[in-house]
Amino acid sequence: MKTTELHELRGRLDGINEQLLELLNERARIGVLIGEIKQSLDVPVHDAQREKQMLDRLAASNEGPFDDQTIRHLFKEIFKATLQLQQPERKKQPLLVSRRKEQADTVIRLRGTAIGGADSVLVAGPCSVESREQVMEVAASLKRAGVPVMRGGAFKPRTSPYDFQGLGFEGLRLLKEAADEYGLLTISEIVDPRHLEEAAAYIDIVQIGARNMHNFELLKAAGELRKPVLLKRGLAATLDEFLHAAEYIVSRGNTQVMLIERGIRTYEKWTRNTLDISAVPILKKESHLPVLVDVSHSTGRKDIMIPCAKAALAAGADGIMAEVHPNPPAALSDADQQLDIEEFEEFVREVKASGLYREAAGAGLKLGL
């Protein structure tokens, strides 16, 4: 008797499932028609107020045994699926930064230096621009080492409001003066969209730091600047979020974007951050943009920067960034992770001699040591 009842109930469930499927598909077809009308009227497809009203009405009509929260959750999933059908082009269209959109590697060329493509690149300089003497000494060491790009912070987003915040535009002027003296390219972080246009007169590459990876107004403004941008991965950003941040820039017309892995925040305490080496081959596979690795911020330890740089290059990185300071113990920021001049020259020598560093024929190691 119980077995017969079980089969009967199961049969009724199968019938209800078929009815639900038919109703869900009918609802989806109506949703698509609504989406087409909304697009023709140039109004947003998603109407949050309308969705809330429908959920409230369903919850008010609910007689159980499902509780109201469950009903809201189930119908939210139905609404979400319908919304995806209403936006088919956005769903199917790959990101502009995606390898599916563009197979060829993006190569950014600046005054004889190529970032991306066949050759590797080294970027180095102080965490913060502190004085003319400091940046001049660093620039001279970069020139000797054959490092073409000098970094230096002028606007410093710091955890504590009482820490050194940088010299601002005066720091950018000092950076440019040193770079011009030694024929180097410059890169510096900009944190305020209003500063971009003025800063562009002093720097060749705009850096958007980890804490600003989700500063969407800054990303949009950088996309309209038409100047190369180095975008750092956020402290806890997924790779999908990272590429979507880059998409904000590229979608505004600026295709000269570079990605840089700088370590992510984990529970590990033996390094400043955790260098996600796997990000390099994944980003190279999923995106056509150049990928660099910052071995200073990702590790915070000078004693492991060389092997980490080699690992990054072995994983396919297009370049390495490191911090160097004439007198690290006296540095106004990130003193522990900055290489001194001698350590920096050894770093460059080891990285270039590793066989992993891709360098144009004839460029060679220029250290006269």
Protein backbone atom coordinates (compact mmCIF):
# COMPACT_ATOMS: atom_id res chain seq x y z
CA MET A 1 0.00 0.00 0.00
CA LYS A 2 2.77 2.46 0.96
CA THR A 3 4.73 1.54 -2.18
CA THR A 4 1.73 2.30 -4.36
CA GLU A 5 1.22 5.64 -2.60
CA LEU A 6 4.92 6.49 -3.08
CA HIS A 7 4.74 5.82 -6.83
CA GLU A 8 1.57 7.88 -7.07
CA LEU A 9 3.12 10.85 -5.26
CA ARG A 10 6.24 10.64 -7.40
CA GLY A 11 4.07 10.65 -10.50
CA ARG A 12 2.32 13.77 -9.28
CA LEU A 13 5.70 15.44 -8.65
CA ASP A 14 6.84 14.56 -12.17
CA GLY A 15 3.72 16.17 -13.56
CA ILE A 16 4.24 19.31 -11.48
CA ASN A 17 7.89 19.47 -12.62
CA GLU A 18 6.72 19.42 -16.23
CA GLN A 19 4.22 22.19 -15.50
CA LEU A 20 6.88 24.25 -13.72
CA LEU A 21 9.26 23.81 -16.64
CA GLU A 22 6.60 24.96 -19.09
CA LEU A 23 5.75 27.97 -16.93
CA LEU A 24 9.42 28.90 -16.40
CA ASN A 25 10.07 28.85 -20.13
CA GLU A 26 6.92 30.87 -20.79
CA ARG A 27 8.06 33.38 -18.17
CA ALA A 28 11.48 33.53 -19.82
CA ARG A 29 9.97 34.22 -23.25
CA ILE A 30 7.91 37.08 -21.81
CA GLY A 31 11.02 38.38 -20.03
CA VAL A 32 12.95 38.46 -23.30
CA LEU A 33 10.16 40.46 -24.96
CA ILE A 34 10.15 42.91 -22.05
CA GLY A 35 13.94 43.24 -22.38
CA GLU A 36 13.65 44.04 -26.09
CA ILE A 37 11.05 46.73 -25.42
CA LYS A 38 13.17 48.27 -22.66
CA GLN A 39 16.22 48.35 -24.95
CA SER A 40 14.18 50.06 -27.68
CA LEU A 41 13.09 52.65 -25.12
CA ASP A 42 16.71 53.01 -23.93
CA VAL A 43 15.82 52.29 -20.30
CA PRO A 44 17.73 49.99 -17.93
CA VAL A 45 16.82 46.33 -18.26
CA HIS A 46 17.13 45.69 -14.53
CA ASP A 47 14.50 47.41 -12.40
CA ALA A 48 15.41 46.91 -8.73
CA GLN A 49 12.20 48.55 -7.49
CA ARG A 50 10.02 46.33 -9.67
CA GLU A 51 11.94 43.24 -8.45
CA LYS A 52 11.39 44.24 -4.82
CA GLN A 53 7.68 44.74 -5.41
CA MET A 54 7.35 41.27 -6.99
CA LEU A 55 9.24 39.62 -4.14
CA ASP A 56 7.17 41.43 -1.51
CA ARG A 57 3.95 40.41 -3.25
CA LEU A 58 5.04 36.77 -3.49
CA ALA A 59 6.09 36.69 0.17
CA ALA A 60 2.75 38.20 1.20
CA SER A 61 0.89 35.54 -0.80
CA ASN A 62 2.98 32.66 0.53
CA GLU A 63 0.98 30.08 2.52
CA GLY A 64 3.85 27.63 3.10
CA PRO A 65 5.31 25.18 3.76
CA PHE A 66 8.24 27.19 2.30
CA ASP A 67 9.11 30.15 4.52
CA ASP A 68 9.22 33.66 3.04
CA GLN A 69 13.04 33.74 2.92
CA THR A 70 13.13 30.56 0.84
CA ILE A 71 10.49 31.92 -1.54
CA ARG A 72 12.48 35.12 -1.99
CA HIS A 73 15.67 33.16 -2.68
CA LEU A 74 14.04 30.87 -5.26
CA PHE A 75 12.42 33.70 -7.17
CA LYS A 76 15.57 35.83 -7.04
CA GLU A 77 17.34 33.03 -8.91
CA ILE A 78 14.54 32.95 -11.47
CA PHE A 79 14.75 36.73 -11.88
CA LYS A 80 18.53 36.54 -12.28
CA ALA A 81 18.26 33.86 -14.98
CA THR A 82 15.71 35.96 -16.86
CA LEU A 83 17.90 39.04 -16.61
CA GLN A 84 20.75 37.12 -18.25
CA LEU A 85 18.45 36.22 -21.14
CA GLN A 86 17.52 39.89 -21.48
CA GLN A 87 21.19 40.79 -21.96
CA PRO A 88 22.45 38.11 -24.37
CA GLU A 89 25.04 40.26 -26.13
CA ARG A 90 26.75 41.31 -22.92
CA LYS A 91 26.74 37.71 -21.74
CA LYS A 92 28.33 36.34 -24.91
CA GLN A 93 30.72 39.19 -25.70
CA PRO A 94 34.24 38.57 -24.34
CA LEU A 95 36.00 41.34 -22.48
CA LEU A 96 38.15 43.67 -24.55
CA VAL A 97 41.13 42.58 -22.43
CA SER A 98 40.37 38.91 -23.08
CA ARG A 99 42.57 36.61 -25.15
CA ARG A 100 39.36 35.50 -26.88
CA LYS A 101 38.86 39.03 -28.10
CA GLU A 102 42.46 39.59 -29.21
CA GLN A 103 44.93 36.75 -29.82
CA ALA A 104 48.03 38.87 -30.35
CA ASP A 105 49.94 40.12 -27.31
CA THR A 106 49.60 43.80 -26.55
CA VAL A 107 53.02 45.46 -26.73
CA ILE A 108 53.46 48.94 -25.29
CA ARG A 109 56.33 50.84 -26.90
CA LEU A 110 57.83 53.92 -25.28
CA ARG A 111 60.93 55.58 -26.69
CA GLY A 112 62.65 52.37 -27.69
CA THR A 113 61.45 50.28 -24.74
CA ALA A 114 58.88 47.54 -25.37
CA ILE A 115 56.72 46.19 -22.55
CA GLY A 116 55.14 42.89 -23.53
CA GLY A 117 55.96 40.67 -26.46
CA ALA A 118 59.36 39.10 -27.04
CA ASP A 119 61.50 40.94 -24.47
CA SER A 120 61.44 41.29 -20.70
CA VAL A 121 61.63 44.62 -18.90
CA LEU A 122 62.89 45.71 -15.50
CA VAL A 123 61.27 48.55 -13.54
CA ALA A 124 62.97 49.87 -10.42
CA GLY A 125 63.21 52.88 -8.16
CA PRO A 126 62.46 54.14 -4.68
CA CYS A 127 59.19 53.49 -2.92
CA SER A 128 58.88 57.25 -2.40
CA VAL A 129 60.60 60.22 -3.98
CA GLU A 130 62.26 61.94 -1.03
CA SER A 131 64.87 64.32 -2.43
CA ARG A 132 66.68 65.33 -5.61
CA GLU A 133 69.90 63.65 -4.44
CA GLN A 134 68.09 60.41 -3.72
CA VAL A 135 66.39 60.06 -7.12
CA MET A 136 69.51 61.18 -8.99
CA GLU A 137 71.59 58.47 -7.32
CA VAL A 138 68.96 55.84 -8.04
CA ALA A 139 68.58 56.99 -11.66
CA ALA A 140 72.34 56.71 -12.16
CA SER A 141 72.30 53.13 -10.85
CA LEU A 142 69.41 52.22 -13.15
CA LYS A 143 71.28 53.64 -16.12
CA ARG A 144 74.38 51.61 -15.28
CA ALA A 145 72.31 48.46 -14.93
CA GLY A 146 70.44 48.93 -18.19
CA VAL A 147 67.07 49.28 -16.45
CA PRO A 148 64.94 51.57 -18.64
CA VAL A 149 62.01 52.43 -16.36
CA MET A 150 62.21 54.24 -13.03
CA ARG A 151 59.39 54.10 -10.53
CA GLY A 152 58.96 56.53 -7.67
CA GLY A 153 55.99 57.37 -5.47
CA ALA A 154 54.86 60.98 -5.13
CA PHE A 155 51.31 60.39 -3.90
CA LYS A 156 51.44 57.65 -1.27
CA PRO A 157 48.22 56.03 0.02
CA ARG A 158 49.31 54.88 3.49
CA THR A 159 47.53 52.78 6.08
CA SER A 160 48.15 55.40 8.76
CA PRO A 161 47.27 59.05 8.07
CA TYR A 162 50.37 60.01 10.08
CA ASP A 163 52.85 58.24 7.77
CA PHE A 164 54.74 60.01 4.99
CA GLN A 165 52.28 60.74 2.19
CA GLY A 166 54.76 61.72 -0.53
CA LEU A 167 55.90 65.04 -2.01
CA GLY A 168 53.03 65.32 -4.49
CA PHE A 169 53.73 67.17 -7.71
CA GLU A 170 57.14 68.26 -6.44
CA GLY A 171 58.03 64.57 -6.25
CA LEU A 172 56.89 64.07 -9.84
CA ARG A 173 59.03 67.00 -10.97
CA LEU A 174 62.09 65.52 -9.23
CA LEU A 175 61.37 62.12 -10.77
CA LYS A 176 61.15 63.60 -14.27
CA GLU A 177 64.31 65.66 -13.77
CA ALA A 178 66.30 62.56 -12.81
CA ALA A 179 64.78 60.48 -15.62
CA ASP A 180 65.54 63.14 -18.22
CA GLU A 181 69.11 63.37 -16.96
CA TYR A 182 69.70 59.66 -17.50
CA GLY A 183 67.32 58.90 -20.37
CA LEU A 184 64.83 56.84 -18.38
CA LEU A 185 61.06 56.37 -18.54
CA THR A 186 59.02 57.24 -15.46
CA ILE A 187 56.17 55.58 -13.65
CA SER A 188 54.32 56.84 -10.59
CA GLU A 189 51.06 56.18 -8.81
CA ILE A 190 48.21 58.67 -9.12
CA VAL A 191 45.37 58.37 -6.61
CA ASP A 192 43.06 61.24 -7.59
CA PRO A 193 41.36 61.46 -11.01
CA ARG A 194 41.71 65.25 -10.86
CA HIS A 195 45.53 64.92 -10.84
CA LEU A 196 45.85 62.75 -13.93
CA GLU A 197 46.08 65.45 -16.58
CA GLU A 198 48.70 67.50 -14.70
CA ALA A 199 50.66 64.39 -13.71
CA ALA A 200 50.80 63.28 -17.35
CA ALA A 201 53.29 66.08 -18.02
CA TYR A 202 55.82 64.41 -15.69
CA ILE A 203 55.34 60.67 -16.03
CA ASP A 204 55.35 58.27 -18.97
CA ILE A 205 53.23 55.58 -17.27
CA VAL A 206 50.41 56.07 -14.78
CA GLN A 207 50.31 53.54 -11.98
CA ILE A 208 47.02 52.66 -10.31
CA GLY A 209 47.83 51.03 -7.01
CA ALA A 210 46.36 48.00 -5.29
CA ARG A 211 44.15 50.05 -2.99
CA ASN A 212 42.68 51.87 -5.98
CA MET A 213 42.05 48.87 -8.22
CA HIS A 214 38.35 49.30 -7.45
CA ASN A 215 38.37 53.10 -7.65
CA PHE A 216 36.11 53.07 -10.68
CA GLU A 217 36.15 56.81 -11.27
CA LEU A 218 39.95 56.74 -11.35
CA LEU A 219 39.87 53.78 -13.76
CA LYS A 220 37.47 55.60 -16.08
CA ALA A 221 39.57 58.76 -16.00
CA ALA A 222 42.72 56.77 -16.77
CA GLY A 223 40.88 55.23 -19.71
CA GLU A 224 40.28 58.68 -21.16
CA LEU A 225 43.85 59.88 -20.59
CA ARG A 226 45.40 57.93 -23.50
CA LYS A 227 48.60 57.29 -21.56
CA PRO A 228 50.02 53.87 -20.62
CA VAL A 229 48.62 52.54 -17.35
CA LEU A 230 50.11 50.00 -14.96
CA LEU A 231 47.29 48.45 -12.95
CA LYS A 232 48.13 46.66 -9.71
CA ARG A 233 46.07 43.76 -8.42
CA GLY A 234 44.06 44.56 -5.30
CA LEU A 235 44.97 43.24 -1.87
CA ALA A 236 42.34 40.49 -2.03
CA ALA A 237 41.09 40.76 -5.61
CA THR A 238 40.23 37.72 -7.68
CA LEU A 239 41.72 37.51 -11.16
CA ASP A 240 38.26 38.04 -12.64
CA GLU A 241 37.90 41.27 -10.65
CA PHE A 242 41.41 42.27 -11.73
CA LEU A 243 40.61 41.85 -15.43
CA HIS A 244 37.30 43.67 -15.06
CA ALA A 245 39.16 46.60 -13.47
CA ALA A 246 41.42 46.65 -16.53
CA GLU A 247 38.30 46.51 -18.70
CA TYR A 248 37.13 49.79 -17.18
CA ILE A 249 40.26 51.45 -18.60
CA VAL A 250 40.26 49.72 -21.99
CA SER A 251 36.53 50.24 -22.51
CA ARG A 252 37.14 54.00 -22.37
CA GLY A 253 39.55 53.77 -25.30
CA ASN A 254 42.94 53.39 -23.61
CA THR A 255 44.38 50.08 -24.81
CA GLN A 256 47.84 50.67 -23.31
CA VAL A 257 47.29 48.76 -20.09
CA MET A 258 49.71 46.56 -18.15
CA LEU A 259 48.82 44.24 -15.27
CA ILE A 260 51.05 43.70 -12.27
CA GLU A 261 50.79 40.98 -9.65
CA ARG A 262 51.97 42.43 -6.32
CA GLY A 263 50.95 39.73 -3.88
CA ILE A 264 47.64 39.16 -2.16
CA ARG A 265 46.69 39.19 1.50
CA THR A 266 46.60 35.77 3.16
CA TYR A 267 47.15 34.43 6.68
CA GLU A 268 50.90 34.00 6.02
CA LYS A 269 53.13 36.17 8.23
CA TRP A 270 56.61 35.30 6.92
CA THR A 271 56.13 37.51 3.87
CA ARG A 272 54.46 40.91 3.56
CA ASN A 273 51.94 39.46 1.10
CA THR A 274 51.67 36.13 -0.72
CA LEU A 275 53.06 36.18 -4.25
CA ASP A 276 50.52 34.43 -6.45
CA ILE A 277 52.77 32.96 -9.12
CA SER A 278 49.83 31.09 -10.64
CA ALA A 279 48.31 34.47 -11.53
CA VAL A 280 51.02 35.02 -14.15
CA PRO A 281 50.28 32.10 -16.51
CA ILE A 282 46.54 32.45 -15.93
CA LEU A 283 46.57 36.15 -16.82
CA LYS A 284 48.79 35.44 -19.84
CA LYS A 285 46.33 32.77 -20.98
CA GLU A 286 43.15 34.74 -20.33
CA SER A 287 44.36 38.21 -21.38
CA HIS A 288 46.53 39.72 -24.10
CA LEU A 289 47.85 42.48 -21.81
CA PRO A 290 51.47 42.53 -20.54
CA VAL A 291 51.90 40.99 -17.09
CA LEU A 292 54.56 42.11 -14.61
CA VAL A 293 55.40 41.04 -11.06
CA ASP A 294 56.34 43.33 -8.17
CA VAL A 295 58.75 41.29 -6.07
CA SER A 296 59.17 44.01 -3.44
CA HIS A 297 55.55 44.42 -2.32
CA SER A 298 54.65 40.77 -2.84
CA THR A 299 57.40 39.47 -0.56
CA GLY A 300 58.58 42.36 1.61
CA ARG A 301 61.83 40.40 1.99
CA LYS A 302 65.03 41.28 0.21
CA ASP A 303 66.53 37.82 0.79
CA ILE A 304 64.02 36.06 -1.50
CA MET A 305 63.50 38.67 -4.23
CA ILE A 306 65.94 37.11 -6.69
CA PRO A 307 64.41 33.59 -6.66
CA CYS A 308 60.91 35.08 -6.77
CA ALA A 309 61.88 37.23 -9.76
CA LYS A 310 63.25 34.14 -11.52
CA ALA A 311 60.07 32.22 -10.70
CA ALA A 312 57.94 35.04 -12.14
CA LEU A 313 59.94 35.07 -15.37
CA ALA A 314 59.77 31.28 -15.59
CA ALA A 315 55.99 31.54 -15.24
CA GLY A 316 55.88 33.89 -18.23
CA ALA A 317 55.99 37.38 -16.71
CA ASP A 318 56.86 40.18 -19.13
CA GLY A 319 58.72 42.18 -16.51
CA ILE A 320 59.80 42.61 -12.91
CA MET A 321 59.42 45.59 -10.59
CA ALA A 322 61.67 46.12 -7.57
CA GLU A 323 62.34 48.94 -5.12
CA VAL A 324 65.80 50.45 -4.63
CA HIS A 325 67.00 53.21 -2.30
CA PRO A 326 70.48 54.65 -1.63
CA ASN A 327 70.00 54.19 2.13
CA PRO A 328 67.05 51.88 2.89
CA PRO A 329 67.21 52.16 6.71
CA ALA A 330 66.59 55.92 6.36
CA ALA A 331 63.77 55.54 3.82
CA LEU A 332 60.53 57.32 4.65
CA SER A 333 58.45 54.34 3.50
CA ASP A 334 58.92 50.57 3.07
CA ALA A 335 62.44 50.65 4.48
CA ASP A 336 62.68 46.88 5.04
CA GLN A 337 61.93 45.81 1.48
CA GLN A 338 64.04 48.29 -0.51
CA LEU A 339 67.34 47.13 -1.97
CA ASP A 340 70.38 49.32 -1.56
CA ILE A 341 72.43 50.17 -4.65
CA GLU A 342 74.82 47.25 -4.27
CA GLU A 343 72.00 44.78 -3.62
CA PHE A 344 70.10 46.17 -6.58
CA GLU A 345 73.04 45.70 -8.94
CA GLU A 346 73.42 42.13 -7.72
CA PHE A 347 69.68 41.62 -8.23
CA VAL A 348 69.86 42.82 -11.84
CA ARG A 349 72.97 40.76 -12.51
CA GLU A 350 71.38 37.55 -11.16
CA VAL A 351 68.06 38.07 -12.96
CA LYS A 352 69.65 38.87 -16.31
CA ALA A 353 72.12 35.99 -16.05
CA SER A 354 69.40 33.47 -15.17
CA GLY A 355 68.58 32.60 -18.78
CA LEU A 356 64.95 33.47 -18.04
CA TYR A 357 65.23 37.17 -18.84
CA ARG A 358 64.36 37.82 -22.49
CA GLU A 359 66.49 40.62 -23.87
CA ALA A 360 66.90 42.04 -27.35
CA ALA A 361 70.10 41.03 -29.09
CA GLY A 362 72.87 43.45 -28.35
CA ALA A 363 71.21 44.97 -25.29
CA GLY A 364 73.29 42.95 -22.88
CA LEU A 365 74.12 43.53 -19.26
CA LYS A 366 75.52 47.02 -18.84
CA LEU A 367 76.85 46.81 -15.31
CA GLY A 368 80.49 47.75 -15.36
CA LEU A 369 81.41 45.89 -12.18
